[in-house]
C-alpha atoms as a PDB file:
ATOM      1  CA  MET A   1     190.535  -4.537  75.338  1.00  0.00           C
ATOM      2  CA  LYS A   2     188.843  -1.649  73.501  1.00  0.00           C
ATOM      3  CA  ARG A   3     187.952  -4.020  70.701  1.00  0.00           C
ATOM      4  CA  ALA A   4     186.334  -6.445  73.109  1.00  0.00           C
ATOM      5  CA  MET A   5     184.335  -3.697  74.767  1.00  0.00           C
ATOM      6  CA  SER A   6     183.001  -2.414  71.428  1.00  0.00           C
ATOM      7  CA  MET A   7     181.580  -5.798  70.399  1.00  0.00           C
ATOM      8  CA  LYS A   8     177.785  -5.901  70.011  1.00  0.00           C
ATOM      9  CA  ASN A   9     175.765  -7.756  72.601  1.00  0.00           C
ATOM     10  CA  PRO A  10     173.872 -10.521  70.782  1.00  0.00           C
ATOM     11  CA  GLY A  11     171.171 -10.533  73.455  1.00  0.00           C
ATOM     12  CA  THR A  12     169.946  -7.080  72.421  1.00  0.00           C
ATOM     13  CA  GLY A  13     169.293  -7.929  68.791  1.00  0.00           C
ATOM     14  CA  GLY A  14     172.463  -6.195  67.575  1.00  0.00           C
ATOM     15  CA  SER A  15     171.942  -2.923  69.439  1.00  0.00           C
ATOM     16  CA  SER A  16     174.590  -1.761  71.925  1.00  0.00           C
ATOM     17  CA  ASN A  17     172.167   0.767  73.471  1.00  0.00           C
ATOM     18  CA  PRO A  18     169.729  -0.763  76.010  1.00  0.00           C
ATOM     19  CA  ARG A  19     167.440   2.271  75.732  1.00  0.00           C
ATOM     20  CA  GLN A  20     167.133   1.772  71.991  1.00  0.00           C
ATOM     21  CA  ALA A  21     166.247  -1.889  72.537  1.00  0.00           C
ATOM     22  CA  GLU A  22     163.598  -0.964  75.108  1.00  0.00           C
ATOM     23  CA  SER A  23     162.200   1.696  72.792  1.00  0.00           C
ATOM     24  CA  ALA A  24     162.000  -0.772  69.914  1.00  0.00           C
ATOM     25  CA  ALA A  25     160.211  -3.302  72.111  1.00  0.00           C
ATOM     26  CA  ALA A  26     157.788  -0.663  73.341  1.00  0.00           C
ATOM     27  CA  GLY A  27     157.090   0.385  69.769  1.00  0.00           C
ATOM     28  CA  ARG A  28     155.724  -3.070  69.055  1.00  0.00           C
ATOM     29  CA  LEU A  29     153.097  -2.747  71.810  1.00  0.00           C
ATOM     30  CA  PRO A  30     149.771  -0.982  71.226  1.00  0.00           C
ATOM     31  CA  SER A  31     149.532   2.435  72.835  1.00  0.00           C
ATOM     32  CA  PRO A  32     147.134   2.565  75.798  1.00  0.00           C
ATOM     33  CA  ARG A  33     145.763   5.824  74.364  1.00  0.00           C
ATOM     34  CA  ALA A  34     145.184   4.100  71.016  1.00  0.00           C
ATOM     35  CA  GLU A  35     143.198   1.375  72.773  1.00  0.00           C
ATOM     36  CA  LEU A  36     141.116   3.974  74.589  1.00  0.00           C
ATOM     37  CA  ARG A  37     140.422   5.740  71.301  1.00  0.00           C
ATOM     38  CA  LEU A  38     139.389   2.473  69.668  1.00  0.00           C
ATOM     39  CA  ALA A  39     137.094   1.622  72.578  1.00  0.00           C
ATOM     40  CA  ALA A  40     135.510   5.074  72.573  1.00  0.00           C
ATOM     41  CA  GLY A  41     135.064   5.075  68.812  1.00  0.00           C
ATOM     42  CA  LEU A  42     133.408   1.642  68.803  1.00  0.00           C
ATOM     43  CA  ALA A  43     131.058   2.515  71.675  1.00  0.00           C
ATOM     44  CA  PHE A  44     129.989   5.836  70.173  1.00  0.00           C
ATOM     45  CA  ALA A  45     129.571   4.383  66.673  1.00  0.00           C
ATOM     46  CA  GLY A  46     127.463   1.579  68.115  1.00  0.00           C
ATOM     47  CA  PHE A  47     125.258   4.046  69.957  1.00  0.00           C
ATOM     48  CA  VAL A  48     124.750   6.193  66.858  1.00  0.00           C
ATOM     49  CA  LEU A  49     123.983   3.209  64.622  1.00  0.00           C
ATOM     50  CA  SER A  50     121.473   1.810  67.114  1.00  0.00           C
ATOM     51  CA  VAL A  51     119.672   5.144  67.414  1.00  0.00           C
ATOM     52  CA  VAL A  52     119.580   5.735  63.650  1.00  0.00           C
ATOM     53  CA  ALA A  53     118.276   2.219  62.999  1.00  0.00           C
ATOM     54  CA  GLY A  54     115.651   2.690  65.699  1.00  0.00           C
ATOM     55  CA  LEU A  55     114.329   5.806  63.965  1.00  0.00           C
ATOM     56  CA  PHE A  56     113.148   3.574  61.095  1.00  0.00           C
ATOM     57  CA  HIS A  57     111.492   1.014  63.374  1.00  0.00           C
ATOM     58  CA  ALA A  58     107.772   0.650  62.649  1.00  0.00           C
ATOM     59  CA  ASP A  59     105.678   1.555  65.692  1.00  0.00           C
ATOM     60  CA  SER A  60     102.106   1.876  66.853  1.00  0.00           C
ATOM     61  CA  ALA A  61     100.586   3.985  69.606  1.00  0.00           C
ATOM     62  CA  SER A  62     101.149   1.144  72.081  1.00  0.00           C
ATOM     63  CA  ALA A  63     103.526  -1.743  71.538  1.00  0.00           C
ATOM     64  CA  ASN A  64     101.367  -3.815  73.890  1.00  0.00           C
ATOM     65  CA  ASP A  65      98.341  -3.291  71.594  1.00  0.00           C
ATOM     66  CA  HIS A  66      99.227  -6.326  69.535  1.00  0.00           C
ATOM     67  CA  PRO A  67      96.649  -6.031  66.722  1.00  0.00           C
ATOM     68  CA  ALA A  68      97.742  -2.444  65.995  1.00  0.00           C
ATOM     69  CA  ALA A  69     101.430  -3.193  66.476  1.00  0.00           C
ATOM     70  CA  PHE A  70     101.362  -6.307  64.277  1.00  0.00           C
ATOM     71  CA  ALA A  71      99.556  -4.428  61.527  1.00  0.00           C
ATOM     72  CA  ALA A  72     102.281  -1.744  61.575  1.00  0.00           C
ATOM     73  CA  TYR A  73     104.996  -4.388  61.482  1.00  0.00           C
ATOM     74  CA  ALA A  74     103.351  -6.163  58.541  1.00  0.00           C
ATOM     75  CA  ARG A  75     103.326  -2.890  56.566  1.00  0.00           C
ATOM     76  CA  SER A  76     107.055  -2.322  57.117  1.00  0.00           C
ATOM     77  CA  GLY A  77     109.201  -3.185  54.120  1.00  0.00           C
ATOM     78  CA  ILE A  78     112.529  -2.635  55.932  1.00  0.00           C
ATOM     79  CA  TRP A  79     111.786  -4.501  59.156  1.00  0.00           C
ATOM     80  CA  THR A  80     114.584  -7.061  58.862  1.00  0.00           C
ATOM     81  CA  ALA A  81     117.137  -4.456  57.737  1.00  0.00           C
ATOM     82  CA  VAL A  82     116.276  -2.239  60.710  1.00  0.00           C
ATOM     83  CA  HIS A  83     116.855  -5.075  63.151  1.00  0.00           C
ATOM     84  CA  LEU A  84     120.121  -6.004  61.471  1.00  0.00           C
ATOM     85  CA  GLY A  85     121.215  -2.392  61.935  1.00  0.00           C
ATOM     86  CA  GLN A  86     120.246  -2.543  65.600  1.00  0.00           C
ATOM     87  CA  PHE A  87     122.238  -5.746  66.041  1.00  0.00           C
ATOM     88  CA  LEU A  88     125.322  -4.230  64.416  1.00  0.00           C
ATOM     89  CA  GLY A  89     124.974  -1.199  66.676  1.00  0.00           C
ATOM     90  CA  MET A  90     124.849  -3.390  69.771  1.00  0.00           C
ATOM     91  CA  ALA A  91     127.821  -5.410  68.500  1.00  0.00           C
ATOM     92  CA  LEU A  92     129.878  -2.226  68.116  1.00  0.00           C
ATOM     93  CA  LEU A  93     128.845  -0.909  71.542  1.00  0.00           C
ATOM     94  CA  ILE A  94     129.746  -4.149  73.314  1.00  0.00           C
ATOM     95  CA  SER A  95     132.989  -4.421  71.344  1.00  0.00           C
ATOM     96  CA  GLY A  96     133.823  -0.969  72.692  1.00  0.00           C
ATOM     97  CA  LEU A  97     133.212  -2.192  76.250  1.00  0.00           C
ATOM     98  CA  LEU A  98     135.466  -5.206  75.704  1.00  0.00           C
ATOM     99  CA  VAL A  99     138.309  -3.100  74.270  1.00  0.00           C
ATOM    100  CA  LEU A 100     137.880  -0.604  77.101  1.00  0.00           C
ATOM    101  CA  LEU A 101     138.182  -3.343  79.717  1.00  0.00           C
ATOM    102  CA  GLY A 102     141.405  -4.529  78.125  1.00  0.00           C
ATOM    103  CA  ALA A 103     142.791  -0.996  77.904  1.00  0.00           C
ATOM    104  CA  LEU A 104     142.114  -0.080  81.519  1.00  0.00           C
ATOM    105  CA  LEU A 105     143.929  -2.890  83.288  1.00  0.00           C
ATOM    106  CA  ALA A 106     147.696  -3.123  83.557  1.00  0.00           C
ATOM    107  CA  PRO A 107     149.183  -6.120  81.696  1.00  0.00           C
ATOM    108  CA  ASP A 108     150.334  -7.685  84.977  1.00  0.00           C
ATOM    109  CA  ALA A 109     146.971  -7.237  86.735  1.00  0.00           C
ATOM    110  CA  ALA A 110     146.078 -10.927  86.651  1.00  0.00           C
ATOM    111  CA  ALA A 111     144.498 -11.012  90.088  1.00  0.00           C
ATOM    112  CA  GLY A 112     142.688  -8.691  92.438  1.00  0.00           C
ATOM    113  CA  VAL A 113     139.285  -7.071  92.585  1.00  0.00           C
ATOM    114  CA  ALA A 114     139.620  -4.984  89.427  1.00  0.00           C
ATOM    115  CA  ALA A 115     140.811  -7.920  87.341  1.00  0.00           C
ATOM    116  CA  TRP A 116     137.989 -10.172  88.476  1.00  0.00           C
ATOM    117  CA  THR A 117     135.455  -7.388  87.993  1.00  0.00           C
ATOM    118  CA  ALA A 118     136.720  -6.966  84.434  1.00  0.00           C
ATOM    119  CA  ARG A 119     136.399 -10.721  83.821  1.00  0.00           C
ATOM    120  CA  PHE A 120     132.817 -10.782  85.077  1.00  0.00           C
ATOM    121  CA  ALA A 121     132.037  -7.706  82.956  1.00  0.00           C
ATOM    122  CA  THR A 122     133.489  -9.457  79.905  1.00  0.00           C
ATOM    123  CA  VAL A 123     131.351 -12.565  80.486  1.00  0.00           C
ATOM    124  CA  ALA A 124     128.209 -10.451  80.945  1.00  0.00           C
ATOM    125  CA  ALA A 125     128.966  -8.379  77.829  1.00  0.00           C
ATOM    126  CA  VAL A 126     129.590 -11.399  75.596  1.00  0.00           C
ATOM    127  CA  ALA A 127     126.454 -13.137  76.905  1.00  0.00           C
ATOM    128  CA  ALA A 128     124.436  -9.959  76.323  1.00  0.00           C
ATOM    129  CA  LEU A 129     125.614  -9.781  72.717  1.00  0.00           C
ATOM    130  CA  ALA A 130     124.829 -13.460  72.096  1.00  0.00           C
ATOM    131  CA  LEU A 131     121.357 -13.054  73.556  1.00  0.00           C
ATOM    132  CA  TYR A 132     120.805  -9.885  71.523  1.00  0.00           C
ATOM    133  CA  ALA A 133     121.648 -11.779  68.335  1.00  0.00           C
ATOM    134  CA  ALA A 134     119.027 -14.392  69.235  1.00  0.00           C
ATOM    135  CA  LEU A 135     116.571 -11.626  70.152  1.00  0.00           C
ATOM    136  CA  GLN A 136     116.969  -9.910  66.794  1.00  0.00           C
ATOM    137  CA  ALA A 137     116.512 -13.236  65.008  1.00  0.00           C
ATOM    138  CA  VAL A 138     113.213 -13.698  66.862  1.00  0.00           C
ATOM    139  CA  ASP A 139     112.043 -10.093  66.498  1.00  0.00           C
ATOM    140  CA  GLY A 140     113.569  -9.204  63.146  1.00  0.00           C
ATOM    141  CA  VAL A 141     112.878 -12.456  61.299  1.00  0.00           C
ATOM    142  CA  ALA A 142     110.446 -14.831  63.042  1.00  0.00           C
ATOM    143  CA  LEU A 143     107.998 -12.161  64.209  1.00  0.00           C
ATOM    144  CA  LYS A 144     108.008 -10.469  60.805  1.00  0.00           C
ATOM    145  CA  HIS A 145     107.070 -13.712  59.022  1.00  0.00           C
ATOM    146  CA  ALA A 146     104.385 -14.402  61.636  1.00  0.00           C
ATOM    147  CA  VAL A 147     102.716 -10.989  61.330  1.00  0.00           C
ATOM    148  CA  ASP A 148     102.925 -11.130  57.534  1.00  0.00           C
ATOM    149  CA  ALA A 149     101.164 -14.497  57.579  1.00  0.00           C
ATOM    150  CA  TRP A 150      98.509 -13.116  59.945  1.00  0.00           C
ATOM    151  CA  ALA A 151      97.896 -10.039  57.795  1.00  0.00           C
ATOM    152  CA  ALA A 152      97.566 -12.149  54.626  1.00  0.00           C
ATOM    153  CA  ALA A 153      95.490 -14.951  56.138  1.00  0.00           C
ATOM    154  CA  ALA A 154      91.854 -15.532  55.294  1.00  0.00           C
ATOM    155  CA  GLU A 155      89.428 -14.662  58.072  1.00  0.00           C
ATOM    156  CA  PRO A 156      88.962 -18.246  59.351  1.00  0.00           C
ATOM    157  CA  ASP A 157      92.737 -18.578  59.808  1.00  0.00           C
ATOM    158  CA  LYS A 158      93.433 -15.184  61.344  1.00  0.00           C
ATOM    159  CA  ALA A 159      92.887 -16.215  64.972  1.00  0.00           C
ATOM    160  CA  ALA A 160      95.414 -19.052  64.732  1.00  0.00           C
ATOM    161  CA  ARG A 161      97.939 -16.876  62.899  1.00  0.00           C
ATOM    162  CA  PHE A 162      97.521 -14.128  65.477  1.00  0.00           C
ATOM    163  CA  ALA A 163      98.068 -16.586  68.326  1.00  0.00           C
ATOM    164  CA  THR A 164     101.322 -17.707  66.683  1.00  0.00           C
ATOM    165  CA  ALA A 165     102.542 -14.127  66.312  1.00  0.00           C
ATOM    166  CA  GLU A 166     101.592 -13.332  69.907  1.00  0.00           C
ATOM    167  CA  GLY A 167     103.507 -16.370  71.163  1.00  0.00           C
ATOM    168  CA  ILE A 168     106.594 -15.128  69.344  1.00  0.00           C
ATOM    169  CA  ARG A 169     106.016 -11.694  70.868  1.00  0.00           C
ATOM    170  CA  TRP A 170     105.993 -13.155  74.358  1.00  0.00           C
ATOM    171  CA  LEU A 171     109.220 -15.008  73.573  1.00  0.00           C
ATOM    172  CA  GLU A 172     110.640 -11.635  72.524  1.00  0.00           C
ATOM    173  CA  TRP A 173     109.631 -10.177  75.891  1.00  0.00           C
ATOM    174  CA  GLY A 174     111.523 -12.890  77.754  1.00  0.00           C
ATOM    175  CA  MET A 175     114.653 -12.601  75.637  1.00  0.00           C
ATOM    176  CA  ARG A 176     114.717  -8.819  75.772  1.00  0.00           C
ATOM    177  CA  SER A 177     114.187  -8.891  79.531  1.00  0.00           C
ATOM    178  CA  TYR A 178     117.205 -11.095  80.171  1.00  0.00           C
ATOM    179  CA  GLN A 179     119.320  -9.345  77.555  1.00  0.00           C
ATOM    180  CA  SER A 180     118.640  -6.084  79.377  1.00  0.00           C
ATOM    181  CA  PHE A 181     119.665  -7.687  82.678  1.00  0.00           C
ATOM    182  CA  LEU A 182     122.950  -8.892  81.182  1.00  0.00           C
ATOM    183  CA  LEU A 183     123.716  -5.607  79.422  1.00  0.00           C
ATOM    184  CA  GLY A 184     122.915  -3.719  82.620  1.00  0.00           C
ATOM    185  CA  ALA A 185     125.285  -5.962  84.579  1.00  0.00           C
ATOM    186  CA  ALA A 186     128.025  -5.472  81.960  1.00  0.00           C
ATOM    187  CA  LEU A 187     127.655  -1.692  82.127  1.00  0.00           C
ATOM    188  CA  LEU A 188     127.629  -1.681  85.945  1.00  0.00           C
ATOM    189  CA  LEU A 189     130.755  -3.820  86.181  1.00  0.00           C
ATOM    190  CA  THR A 190     132.595  -1.911  83.445  1.00  0.00           C
ATOM    191  CA  GLY A 191     131.726   1.336  85.195  1.00  0.00           C
ATOM    192  CA  ALA A 192     133.256  -0.050  88.388  1.00  0.00           C
ATOM    193  CA  VAL A 193     136.472  -0.901  86.509  1.00  0.00           C
ATOM    194  CA  VAL A 194     136.582   2.606  85.009  1.00  0.00           C
ATOM    195  CA  VAL A 195     136.250   4.163  88.460  1.00  0.00           C
ATOM    196  CA  ARG A 196     138.874   1.873  89.983  1.00  0.00           C
ATOM    197  CA  ALA A 197     141.421   2.250  87.181  1.00  0.00           C
ATOM    198  CA  GLY A 198     141.313   6.052  87.082  1.00  0.00           C
ATOM    199  CA  ARG A 199     142.634   6.150  83.505  1.00  0.00           C
ATOM    200  CA  VAL A 200     139.794   8.448  82.438  1.00  0.00           C
ATOM    201  CA  ALA A 201     137.451  10.663  84.445  1.00  0.00           C
ATOM    202  CA  ARG A 202     135.809   8.590  87.148  1.00  0.00           C
ATOM    203  CA  ALA A 203     132.516  10.343  86.398  1.00  0.00           C
ATOM    204  CA  ILE A 204     132.422   8.369  83.136  1.00  0.00           C
ATOM    205  CA  GLY A 205     132.375   5.182  85.188  1.00  0.00           C
ATOM    206  CA  TYR A 206     129.575   6.473  87.402  1.00  0.00           C
ATOM    207  CA  LEU A 207     127.492   7.440  84.359  1.00  0.00           C
ATOM    208  CA  MET A 208     128.159   4.045  82.830  1.00  0.00           C
ATOM    209  CA  ALA A 209     126.971   2.358  86.014  1.00  0.00           C
ATOM    210  CA  LEU A 210     123.823   4.495  86.046  1.00  0.00           C
ATOM    211  CA  SER A 211     123.093   3.444  82.464  1.00  0.00           C
ATOM    212  CA  GLY A 212     123.467  -0.137  83.671  1.00  0.00           C
ATOM    213  CA  LEU A 213     120.855   0.474  86.370  1.00  0.00           C
ATOM    214  CA  ALA A 214     118.514   1.854  83.714  1.00  0.00           C
ATOM    215  CA  TYR A 215     118.874  -1.375  81.726  1.00  0.00           C
ATOM    216  CA  LEU A 216     118.266  -3.475  84.815  1.00  0.00           C
ATOM    217  CA  ALA A 217     115.030  -1.554  85.342  1.00  0.00           C
ATOM    218  CA  GLN A 218     114.071  -2.133  81.706  1.00  0.00           C
ATOM    219  CA  GLY A 219     114.684  -5.853  82.114  1.00  0.00           C
ATOM    220  CA  TRP A 220     112.357  -6.040  85.101  1.00  0.00           C
ATOM    221  CA  ILE A 221     109.560  -4.008  83.523  1.00  0.00           C
ATOM    222  CA  ILE A 222     109.648  -5.835  80.175  1.00  0.00           C
ATOM    223  CA  GLY A 223     109.630  -9.192  81.934  1.00  0.00           C
ATOM    224  CA  SER A 224     106.656  -8.138  84.064  1.00  0.00           C
ATOM    225  CA  GLU A 225     104.565  -5.961  81.731  1.00  0.00           C
ATOM    226  CA  GLY A 226     106.026  -6.207  78.240  1.00  0.00           C
ATOM    227  CA  PHE A 227     106.538  -2.975  76.303  1.00  0.00           C
ATOM    228  CA  SER A 228     104.377  -0.918  78.619  1.00  0.00           C
ATOM    229  CA  PRO A 229     104.453   2.871  79.151  1.00  0.00           C
ATOM    230  CA  ALA A 230     106.236   2.215  82.459  1.00  0.00           C
ATOM    231  CA  ASN A 231     109.332   1.337  80.436  1.00  0.00           C
ATOM    232  CA  THR A 232     109.519   4.776  78.793  1.00  0.00           C
ATOM    233  CA  MET A 233     111.548   6.536  81.476  1.00  0.00           C
ATOM    234  CA  PRO A 234     114.170   3.789  81.988  1.00  0.00           C
ATOM    235  CA  THR A 235     114.565   3.552  78.204  1.00  0.00           C
ATOM    236  CA  LEU A 236     115.074   7.293  77.808  1.00  0.00           C
ATOM    237  CA  ALA A 237     117.431   7.362  80.792  1.00  0.00           C
ATOM    238  CA  GLY A 238     119.524   4.574  79.291  1.00  0.00           C
ATOM    239  CA  ILE A 239     119.746   6.353  75.930  1.00  0.00           C
ATOM    240  CA  VAL A 240     120.724   9.721  77.429  1.00  0.00           C
ATOM    241  CA  LEU A 241     123.255   8.241  79.840  1.00  0.00           C
ATOM    242  CA  ILE A 242     124.986   6.173  77.138  1.00  0.00           C
ATOM    243  CA  LEU A 243     125.099   9.227  74.887  1.00  0.00           C
ATOM    244  CA  VAL A 244     126.734  11.300  77.631  1.00  0.00           C
ATOM    245  CA  TRP A 245     129.350   8.791  78.747  1.00  0.00           C
ATOM    246  CA  SER A 246     130.233   7.660  75.214  1.00  0.00           C
ATOM    247  CA  VAL A 247     130.770  11.261  74.043  1.00  0.00           C
ATOM    248  CA  TRP A 248     132.744  12.074  77.199  1.00  0.00           C
ATOM    249  CA  LEU A 249     134.887   8.963  76.739  1.00  0.00           C
ATOM    250  CA  LEU A 250     135.476   9.848  73.084  1.00  0.00           C
ATOM    251  CA  VAL A 251     136.581  13.389  73.938  1.00  0.00           C
ATOM    252  CA  SER A 252     138.757  12.171  76.816  1.00  0.00           C
ATOM    253  CA  ALA A 253     140.436   9.516  74.670  1.00  0.00           C
ATOM    254  CA  TRP A 254     141.343  11.979  71.919  1.00  0.00           C
ATOM    255  CA  SER A 255     142.300  14.962  74.059  1.00  0.00           C
ATOM    256  CA  GLY A 256     145.076  13.862  76.312  1.00  0.00           C
ATOM    257  CA  LYS A 257     148.241  11.923  76.784  1.00  0.00           C
ATOM    258  CA  ASP A 258     148.750   8.619  78.486  1.00  0.00           C
ATOM    259  CA  ALA A 259     148.928   9.019  82.218  1.00  0.00           C
ATOM    260  CA  PRO A 260     149.282   6.543  85.081  1.00  0.00           C
ATOM    261  CA  ALA A 261     146.201   5.624  87.064  1.00  0.00           C
ATOM    262  CA  ARG A 262     145.436   8.129  89.769  1.00  0.00           C
ATOM    263  CA  GLY A 263     144.936   5.489  92.389  1.00  0.00           C
ATOM    264  CA  GLY A 264     148.005   3.478  91.437  1.00  0.00           C
ATOM    265  CA  PRO A 265     147.913   0.250  89.472  1.00  0.00           C
ATOM    266  CA  PRO A 266     144.641  -1.697  89.711  1.00  0.00           C
ATOM    267  CA  GLN A 267     144.582  -4.347  92.391  1.00  0.00           C
END
């Protein structure tokens, strides 16, 4: 009888201790805190890279003064590299949002408001990244070639070359407008998931949502007026808000232990 009782249970992989089996299974799963740290690190790195790349962006007194702006762009020798840096920054930021959405929801939360909100946020974020890639191809490559051709053209050809560059600029306005709408929606929806999940400070979610509103405002202004002075405040607000919530998320992810959601599991 004692011999029979001491036999190993084949269903536990050779372990007679159920707690050891559960611990081994849990060890194969990613830690929720590790996912939060990855999300925070990606978002903050994306923000920093975008800002640093933007510091090298050629500018004129008014981006809507196309002759002056195009002349500045034509003189830039790092134009394409700057826009590639901006794209990589956006890719990191949106990757951080996607990892964050996955980290916040419980594995069994397949239905309910929070789960559907996370799905819609994921769709908006992926679409925003795809549109940003197309935007940077237009702005970072096509516009650069167009302004270079205009700057080098003989006087009789300058008007036609300028018209081509301006057409590409207007295409840039449209793409940036809708990319801002999609990014704003992604930030708003992700902020709502953060607030509902309660895994990190809910204020982070509110700040994220406010940054989304700033991008929605940018989308409307750029679509209506281009890169006008009216877009300055929403742009600055978006930058400051993303800086604050990404730093707060980074600190929160690295300075605590895993804890259950304050409001219970997401529904």
